[in-house]
Protein backbone atom coordinates (compact mmCIF):
# COMPACT_ATOMS: atom_id res chain seq x y z
CA MET A 1 -58.86 -75.91 46.15
CA GLU A 2 -56.27 -73.17 45.54
CA PHE A 3 -52.47 -73.41 45.90
CA GLU A 4 -49.53 -71.18 45.23
CA GLY A 5 -46.22 -71.98 43.46
CA CYS A 6 -44.74 -74.97 41.79
CA SER A 7 -43.53 -77.03 44.76
CA CYS A 8 -45.29 -80.39 45.34
CA PHE A 9 -46.85 -80.07 41.81
CA ARG A 10 -47.16 -83.86 41.45
CA GLN A 11 -48.59 -84.40 44.93
CA ARG A 12 -51.36 -81.84 44.28
CA LEU A 13 -52.42 -83.30 40.94
CA VAL A 14 -52.31 -87.00 42.14
CA LEU A 15 -54.42 -86.29 45.25
CA SER A 16 -56.79 -84.11 43.10
CA THR A 17 -57.29 -87.05 40.77
CA VAL A 18 -57.87 -89.56 43.55
CA SER A 19 -60.15 -87.36 45.56
CA GLY A 20 -62.06 -85.90 42.60
CA LYS A 21 -61.47 -82.32 43.90
CA ARG A 22 -60.69 -79.47 41.50
CA VAL A 23 -57.43 -77.56 41.89
CA LYS A 24 -56.26 -74.15 40.89
CA ILE A 25 -52.52 -73.52 41.20
CA ARG A 26 -51.39 -69.86 40.82
CA ASN A 27 -48.06 -67.98 40.61
CA ILE A 28 -46.19 -70.99 39.00
CA ARG A 29 -42.60 -69.48 38.84
CA SER A 30 -44.26 -66.10 38.18
CA LYS A 31 -41.14 -64.24 39.38
CA ASP A 32 -38.75 -66.44 37.33
CA ASP A 33 -36.89 -65.25 34.21
CA ASN A 34 -38.61 -68.19 32.45
CA PRO A 35 -42.07 -68.21 34.06
CA GLY A 36 -44.75 -70.91 34.00
CA LEU A 37 -44.81 -74.65 33.75
CA ARG A 38 -41.76 -76.63 32.67
CA ASP A 39 -41.84 -79.11 29.79
CA PHE A 40 -41.70 -82.15 32.18
CA GLU A 41 -44.68 -80.76 34.17
CA ALA A 42 -46.68 -80.34 30.93
CA SER A 43 -45.75 -83.86 30.04
CA PHE A 44 -46.92 -85.10 33.52
CA ILE A 45 -50.31 -83.36 32.96
CA ARG A 46 -50.63 -85.07 29.56
CA LEU A 47 -50.05 -88.49 31.14
CA LEU A 48 -52.78 -87.79 33.68
CA ASP A 49 -55.03 -86.86 30.89
CA LYS A 50 -54.30 -90.17 29.11
CA VAL A 51 -55.11 -92.38 32.14
CA THR A 52 -58.33 -90.46 32.97
CA ASN A 53 -61.50 -89.86 31.09
CA GLY A 54 -63.24 -86.41 31.12
CA THR A 55 -60.39 -84.47 32.70
CA ARG A 56 -60.53 -80.63 32.12
CA ILE A 57 -57.21 -78.75 32.09
CA GLU A 58 -56.87 -74.99 31.55
CA ILE A 59 -53.55 -73.17 31.51
CA ASN A 60 -53.20 -69.41 30.93
CA GLN A 61 -50.96 -67.99 28.24
CA THR A 62 -47.86 -67.60 30.39
CA GLY A 63 -48.35 -71.01 31.99
CA THR A 64 -48.28 -69.47 35.58
CA VAL A 65 -51.94 -70.50 36.39
CA LEU A 66 -53.24 -74.08 36.08
CA PHE A 67 -56.90 -75.11 36.54
CA TYR A 68 -57.29 -78.96 36.88
CA GLN A 69 -60.61 -80.75 37.17
CA PRO A 70 -60.06 -84.41 37.37
CA GLY A 71 -62.11 -86.98 35.38
CA LEU A 72 -62.64 -90.65 36.20
CA LEU A 73 -59.55 -92.91 36.36
CA TYR A 74 -59.86 -95.10 33.28
CA GLY A 75 -56.75 -97.12 32.78
CA GLY A 76 -56.28 -99.44 29.86
CA SER A 77 -53.33 -99.41 27.51
CA VAL A 78 -51.34 -96.18 27.55
CA GLU A 79 -48.18 -95.10 25.74
CA HIS A 80 -46.32 -91.95 26.83
CA GLU A 81 -43.22 -90.18 25.76
CA CYS A 82 -41.77 -88.84 29.04
CA ASN A 83 -39.93 -85.60 28.91
CA VAL A 84 -36.14 -86.23 29.25
CA GLN A 85 -35.70 -83.41 31.87
CA ARG A 86 -36.89 -85.96 34.39
CA SER A 87 -36.60 -89.69 34.53
CA VAL A 88 -39.45 -92.21 33.97
CA GLY A 89 -39.41 -92.72 37.83
CA TYR A 90 -40.92 -89.28 38.21
CA TYR A 91 -43.92 -90.36 36.18
CA LEU A 92 -44.08 -93.98 37.48
CA GLU A 93 -44.19 -92.85 41.09
CA ALA A 94 -47.50 -91.11 40.32
CA LEU A 95 -48.88 -94.04 38.41
CA LEU A 96 -48.12 -96.40 41.34
CA MET A 97 -50.41 -94.19 43.43
CA LEU A 98 -53.22 -94.12 40.86
CA ALA A 99 -53.12 -97.50 39.15
CA PRO A 100 -55.09 -99.65 41.74
CA PHE A 101 -58.15 -97.31 41.37
CA MET A 102 -58.54 -97.47 37.67
CA LYS A 103 -61.69 -98.78 35.78
CA SER A 104 -59.54 -101.40 33.87
CA PRO A 105 -56.16 -102.70 34.62
CA LEU A 106 -53.43 -100.29 33.53
CA ARG A 107 -50.80 -101.29 30.97
CA ALA A 108 -48.44 -98.37 30.43
CA VAL A 109 -45.41 -98.04 28.21
CA LEU A 110 -43.20 -95.15 29.22
CA LYS A 111 -40.36 -94.00 27.16
CA GLY A 112 -37.56 -91.64 28.20
CA VAL A 113 -34.76 -91.56 30.76
CA THR A 114 -34.75 -94.70 32.94
CA ASN A 115 -31.88 -93.60 35.21
CA ASP A 116 -30.77 -90.24 36.29
CA PRO A 117 -29.21 -88.68 39.45
CA THR A 118 -32.43 -86.74 40.43
CA ASP A 119 -35.38 -89.14 40.54
CA PRO A 120 -35.76 -92.73 41.85
CA SER A 121 -34.83 -95.02 39.03
CA VAL A 122 -37.18 -97.60 37.56
CA ASP A 123 -34.92 -100.37 38.82
CA LEU A 124 -35.27 -99.10 42.46
CA LEU A 125 -39.09 -98.88 42.19
CA LYS A 126 -39.27 -102.26 40.60
CA VAL A 127 -37.82 -103.98 43.72
CA THR A 128 -39.24 -101.84 46.41
CA ALA A 129 -42.72 -100.76 45.38
CA PRO A 130 -44.48 -104.07 44.38
CA PRO A 131 -43.75 -105.84 47.71
CA LEU A 132 -45.30 -102.85 49.61
CA MET A 133 -48.28 -102.78 47.28
CA LYS A 134 -48.92 -106.49 48.00
CA ARG A 135 -49.15 -105.74 51.70
CA PHE A 136 -52.21 -103.60 50.93
CA GLY A 137 -53.80 -106.33 48.88
CA ILE A 138 -52.67 -105.15 45.38
CA ASP A 139 -51.15 -108.42 44.16
CA GLY A 140 -51.67 -111.02 41.48
CA ASP A 141 -50.09 -111.77 38.04
CA GLY A 142 -50.83 -108.30 36.62
CA LEU A 143 -48.34 -106.37 38.84
CA GLU A 144 -45.08 -105.83 36.96
CA ILE A 145 -42.49 -103.24 36.22
CA LYS A 146 -40.05 -104.22 33.49
CA VAL A 147 -37.10 -102.36 31.89
CA VAL A 148 -37.14 -103.19 28.21
CA ARG A 149 -34.60 -100.56 27.09
CA ARG A 150 -32.26 -98.55 29.30
CA GLY A 151 -31.81 -94.80 28.66
CA MET A 152 -29.45 -92.67 30.73
CA ALA A 153 -29.75 -88.88 31.09
CA PRO A 154 -29.62 -86.57 29.28
CA GLY A 155 -30.52 -88.29 25.96
CA GLY A 156 -32.94 -91.03 27.27
CA GLY A 157 -34.05 -93.58 24.72
CA GLY A 158 -35.24 -96.08 27.48
CA GLU A 159 -38.51 -97.98 27.52
CA VAL A 160 -40.37 -99.28 30.61
CA HIS A 161 -43.54 -101.45 30.82
CA PHE A 162 -45.73 -101.14 33.84
CA SER A 163 -48.84 -103.09 34.54
CA CYS A 164 -51.07 -103.15 37.57
CA PRO A 165 -54.43 -104.87 38.55
CA VAL A 166 -57.30 -102.93 39.91
CA ARG A 167 -58.78 -103.36 43.38
CA LYS A 168 -62.19 -102.37 44.85
CA SER A 169 -60.60 -101.38 48.15
CA LEU A 170 -57.32 -101.59 50.05
CA LYS A 171 -56.56 -103.68 53.15
CA PRO A 172 -55.45 -102.04 56.33
CA VAL A 173 -51.88 -102.87 57.34
CA GLN A 174 -49.86 -103.23 60.60
CA LEU A 175 -46.16 -102.83 59.76
CA THR A 176 -44.43 -102.20 63.05
CA GLU A 177 -41.57 -104.78 63.02
CA PRO A 178 -38.90 -104.24 60.35
CA GLY A 179 -36.76 -107.18 61.47
CA LYS A 180 -33.07 -107.75 60.94
CA ILE A 181 -31.33 -107.56 57.55
CA LYS A 182 -30.92 -110.94 55.98
CA ARG A 183 -29.45 -110.28 52.50
CA ILE A 184 -28.48 -107.51 50.11
CA ARG A 185 -28.99 -107.58 46.40
CA GLY A 186 -28.00 -105.02 43.78
CA THR A 187 -27.65 -104.21 40.10
CA ALA A 188 -24.76 -102.37 38.57
CA VAL A 189 -25.92 -100.87 35.33
CA SER A 190 -23.84 -99.53 32.45
CA VAL A 191 -24.63 -98.48 28.91
CA ARG A 192 -22.46 -97.14 26.13
CA VAL A 193 -19.34 -97.48 28.28
CA SER A 194 -16.91 -100.36 28.87
CA PRO A 195 -18.65 -103.35 30.56
CA GLN A 196 -15.64 -103.29 32.92
CA MET A 197 -17.22 -100.23 34.63
CA ALA A 198 -19.99 -102.32 36.19
CA ASN A 199 -17.43 -104.84 37.60
CA ARG A 200 -15.41 -101.95 39.09
CA ILE A 201 -18.57 -100.65 40.83
CA VAL A 202 -19.42 -104.13 42.16
CA ASP A 203 -15.96 -104.65 43.63
CA SER A 204 -15.89 -101.21 45.38
CA ALA A 205 -19.42 -101.62 46.82
CA ARG A 206 -18.66 -105.14 48.17
CA SER A 207 -15.50 -103.75 49.88
CA VAL A 208 -17.76 -101.76 52.16
CA LEU A 209 -20.78 -104.08 52.52
CA ASN A 210 -18.83 -107.36 53.19
CA LYS A 211 -18.03 -105.97 56.69
CA PHE A 212 -21.80 -105.68 57.36
CA ILE A 213 -23.25 -109.01 56.05
CA PRO A 214 -22.08 -111.99 54.09
CA ASP A 215 -25.13 -112.71 51.97
CA ILE A 216 -24.52 -110.11 49.14
CA TYR A 217 -25.09 -110.57 45.36
CA ILE A 218 -24.72 -107.75 42.86
CA TYR A 219 -25.68 -108.40 39.25
CA THR A 220 -24.16 -106.51 36.38
CA ASP A 221 -26.53 -105.32 33.64
CA HIS A 222 -24.81 -104.10 30.56
CA MET A 223 -27.22 -103.35 27.67
CA LYS A 224 -25.91 -102.97 24.20
CA GLY A 225 -27.01 -101.68 20.80
CA VAL A 226 -30.64 -100.56 20.44
CA ASN A 227 -31.44 -101.32 24.11
CA SER A 228 -28.73 -99.05 25.52
CA GLY A 229 -30.49 -95.66 24.82
CA LYS A 230 -28.80 -92.52 23.54
CA SER A 231 -26.36 -91.44 26.33
CA PRO A 232 -23.56 -93.18 27.99
CA GLY A 233 -23.65 -93.72 31.80
CA PHE A 234 -23.40 -96.19 34.72
CA GLY A 235 -24.78 -96.58 38.20
CA LEU A 236 -25.69 -98.84 41.07
CA ILE A 237 -28.98 -99.83 42.82
CA LEU A 238 -28.73 -101.64 46.14
CA VAL A 239 -31.58 -103.23 48.10
CA ALA A 240 -31.45 -104.78 51.57
CA GLU A 241 -34.24 -107.20 52.58
CA THR A 242 -35.17 -107.98 56.19
CA VAL A 243 -36.40 -111.27 57.66
CA ASN A 244 -39.93 -109.82 57.81
CA GLY A 245 -39.84 -108.95 54.07
CA MET A 246 -39.17 -105.12 54.43
CA PHE A 247 -36.97 -103.46 51.86
CA PHE A 248 -34.48 -100.61 52.19
CA SER A 249 -32.87 -99.20 49.01
CA ALA A 250 -30.23 -96.74 47.83
CA GLU A 251 -28.87 -95.77 44.46
CA VAL A 252 -26.34 -93.57 42.86
CA MET A 253 -26.07 -92.64 39.10
CA SER A 254 -23.20 -91.14 37.21
CA THR A 255 -23.54 -87.40 36.33
CA PRO A 256 -24.64 -86.87 32.64
CA GLN A 257 -21.85 -85.71 30.40
CA GLY A 258 -21.15 -81.96 30.52
CA GLN A 259 -23.22 -81.46 33.70
CA GLY A 260 -20.85 -81.09 36.58
CA ASP A 261 -18.11 -83.24 38.04
CA GLN A 262 -17.83 -86.79 36.83
CA ILE A 263 -17.56 -89.66 39.41
CA LEU A 264 -15.27 -92.68 39.21
CA PRO A 265 -16.96 -96.12 39.26
CA GLU A 266 -15.01 -96.97 42.49
CA ASP A 267 -16.27 -93.85 44.28
CA LEU A 268 -19.82 -94.42 42.96
CA GLY A 269 -19.90 -97.99 44.40
CA LYS A 270 -18.58 -96.92 47.89
CA LYS A 271 -21.01 -93.94 48.01
CA CYS A 272 -24.00 -96.18 47.14
CA ALA A 273 -22.97 -98.79 49.72
CA LYS A 274 -22.75 -96.03 52.45
CA LEU A 275 -26.17 -94.65 51.40
CA LEU A 276 -27.70 -98.08 51.87
CA LEU A 277 -26.15 -98.50 55.33
CA GLU A 278 -27.45 -95.04 56.19
CA GLU A 279 -30.98 -96.06 54.98
CA ILE A 280 -30.86 -99.16 57.16
CA HIS A 281 -29.62 -97.01 60.08
CA ARG A 282 -32.76 -94.77 59.62
CA GLY A 283 -34.89 -97.85 60.13
CA GLY A 284 -38.63 -98.21 59.82
CA CYS A 285 -40.61 -100.66 57.75
CA VAL A 286 -40.71 -98.55 54.53
CA ASP A 287 -37.59 -96.89 53.02
CA SER A 288 -37.67 -93.17 52.39
CA THR A 289 -38.45 -93.40 48.64
CA ASN A 290 -41.78 -95.14 49.32
CA GLN A 291 -42.96 -93.30 52.46
CA SER A 292 -45.53 -91.22 50.55
CA LEU A 293 -46.93 -94.24 48.72
CA ALA A 294 -47.53 -96.18 51.93
CA LEU A 295 -49.20 -93.09 53.56
CA LEU A 296 -51.53 -92.60 50.66
CA TYR A 297 -52.51 -96.30 50.61
CA MET A 298 -53.15 -96.09 54.41
CA THR A 299 -55.38 -93.08 53.89
CA LEU A 300 -57.39 -94.69 51.20
CA GLY A 301 -57.71 -97.98 53.06
CA GLN A 302 -60.93 -99.42 54.62
CA GLN A 303 -62.30 -97.68 57.72
CA ASP A 304 -59.96 -99.48 60.01
CA VAL A 305 -56.75 -98.69 61.81
CA SER A 306 -53.45 -98.82 59.86
CA LYS A 307 -50.10 -98.60 61.52
CA VAL A 308 -46.73 -98.24 59.83
CA LEU A 309 -43.29 -97.61 61.41
CA LEU A 310 -41.23 -95.12 59.39
CA GLY A 311 -37.74 -93.83 59.82
CA PRO A 312 -37.28 -89.98 60.10
CA LEU A 313 -39.69 -88.36 57.72
CA SER A 314 -38.26 -86.90 54.56
CA PRO A 315 -39.19 -83.17 53.74
CA TYR A 316 -41.23 -84.55 50.72
CA THR A 317 -43.18 -86.86 52.99
CA ILE A 318 -44.04 -83.96 55.46
CA GLU A 319 -45.43 -81.92 52.65
CA PHE A 320 -47.34 -84.89 51.49
CA LEU A 321 -48.96 -85.34 54.95
CA ARG A 322 -50.10 -81.67 54.78
CA HIS A 323 -51.68 -82.26 51.33
CA ILE A 324 -53.47 -85.47 52.61
CA ARG A 325 -54.94 -83.34 55.39
CA ASP A 326 -56.08 -80.72 52.87
CA PHE A 327 -57.68 -83.23 50.40
CA PHE A 328 -59.00 -85.96 52.67
CA GLN A 329 -59.25 -84.30 56.15
CA ILE A 330 -57.20 -87.17 57.50
CA MET A 331 -54.78 -86.52 60.30
CA PHE A 332 -52.16 -89.08 61.17
CA LYS A 333 -51.27 -89.87 64.84
CA ILE A 334 -47.45 -89.50 64.82
CA GLU A 335 -45.72 -91.15 67.79
CA PRO A 336 -41.93 -90.84 68.13
CA GLN A 337 -40.54 -94.19 69.33
CA LYS A 338 -38.96 -94.30 72.73
CA PRO A 339 -35.17 -94.55 72.86
CA GLY A 340 -33.84 -97.93 73.78
CA ASP A 341 -33.17 -100.33 70.93
CA GLU A 342 -33.52 -97.33 68.68
CA GLU A 343 -30.37 -95.78 70.10
CA ARG A 344 -28.47 -98.68 68.67
CA THR A 345 -30.33 -98.75 65.27
CA GLY A 346 -30.46 -95.12 64.52
CA GLY A 347 -32.51 -91.89 64.28
CA GLU A 348 -35.89 -90.87 65.54
CA LYS A 349 -38.38 -93.43 64.14
CA VAL A 350 -42.01 -92.58 64.09
CA LEU A 351 -45.15 -94.80 64.30
CA MET A 352 -47.79 -93.45 61.84
CA THR A 353 -51.35 -94.42 62.72
CA CYS A 354 -54.57 -93.49 60.88
CA VAL A 355 -58.08 -94.65 60.16
CA GLY A 356 -58.69 -95.05 56.41
CA VAL A 357 -61.35 -93.06 54.59
CA GLY A 358 -62.89 -96.26 53.21
CA TYR A 359 -62.14 -95.27 49.66
CA SER A 360 -63.97 -97.48 47.17
CA ASN A 361 -63.02 -97.85 43.52
CA ILE A 362 -66.23 -96.53 41.88
CA SER A 363 -64.82 -97.00 38.46
CA LYS A 364 -64.17 -100.76 38.79
CA PRO A 365 -66.94 -102.72 37.01
CA LEU A 366 -68.88 -105.32 39.00
CA LYS A 367 -68.10 -108.97 38.07
């Protein structure tokens, strides 16, 4: 399969690895002053090479053409030094998509930037992704995401442990009732700054959220010494849980030093609280960070109907749907929900329906 340009780079390689289809990507930033693959993309390719067996990768001299022939998903223990241009969340999102289909359970140690303003942080994926994976039958003791050391952009120095059990096949799901919000939990993180910063963030976030719901608890997480990485920074991760066990999330991280305008802890707390309320307002059963993960699991599920109610689709998710069509020839039925209750609860929600391809994990050994 042939593609042009560097957009959706991760999507193409992840879907290629799952489907076993070879990919050729041409004209990767060919008109740029600095053409070819970036360091973080090369690091991502190396990570895929580590979790697979027999993958063949060819890159031309300028780095503008990539040929990728996926091998078998192997799993096992993997250690990877992630490039600090992107956070560990950039790499972890791909592993969440691939891990259930490995030959042996994956135990990955990822080192680098745990929190930055660009990608979903590890803390956010830790609270939103595992509950969604359990809906598809990926559960058990082995599923865990743990922040051992925290590393802020740009220096990094963080360490994350991720483990996931393997499954022969995924269960179809029917997620159509998000339910009302019952509680909000959060974590205010700070490293190499005054611990008081985290308290200031909590106070300002609560000043907004207390008007919405009384059951709010925001922890402060201040790591010191060797566990605090190489760069100073602070941020806030908020998660709202519904009565039906759905999760909506939002986060804001401080800007790395020397890279644009700095934000005050008070402003950061209020901004994050408003983003969470906006995410709740969008509605659906899966928040915008995990839309593509849910859609991939639906595609790879058993040959049965899966339905998931989503809020307005993000541009990233729309591209992902196009790639699913290219790789698996699966088309989703997209039904906009009729106005009514939705007028009170926010935007144009869509009901996504598809029949899974009946993907079976051929690598998993028989017991």
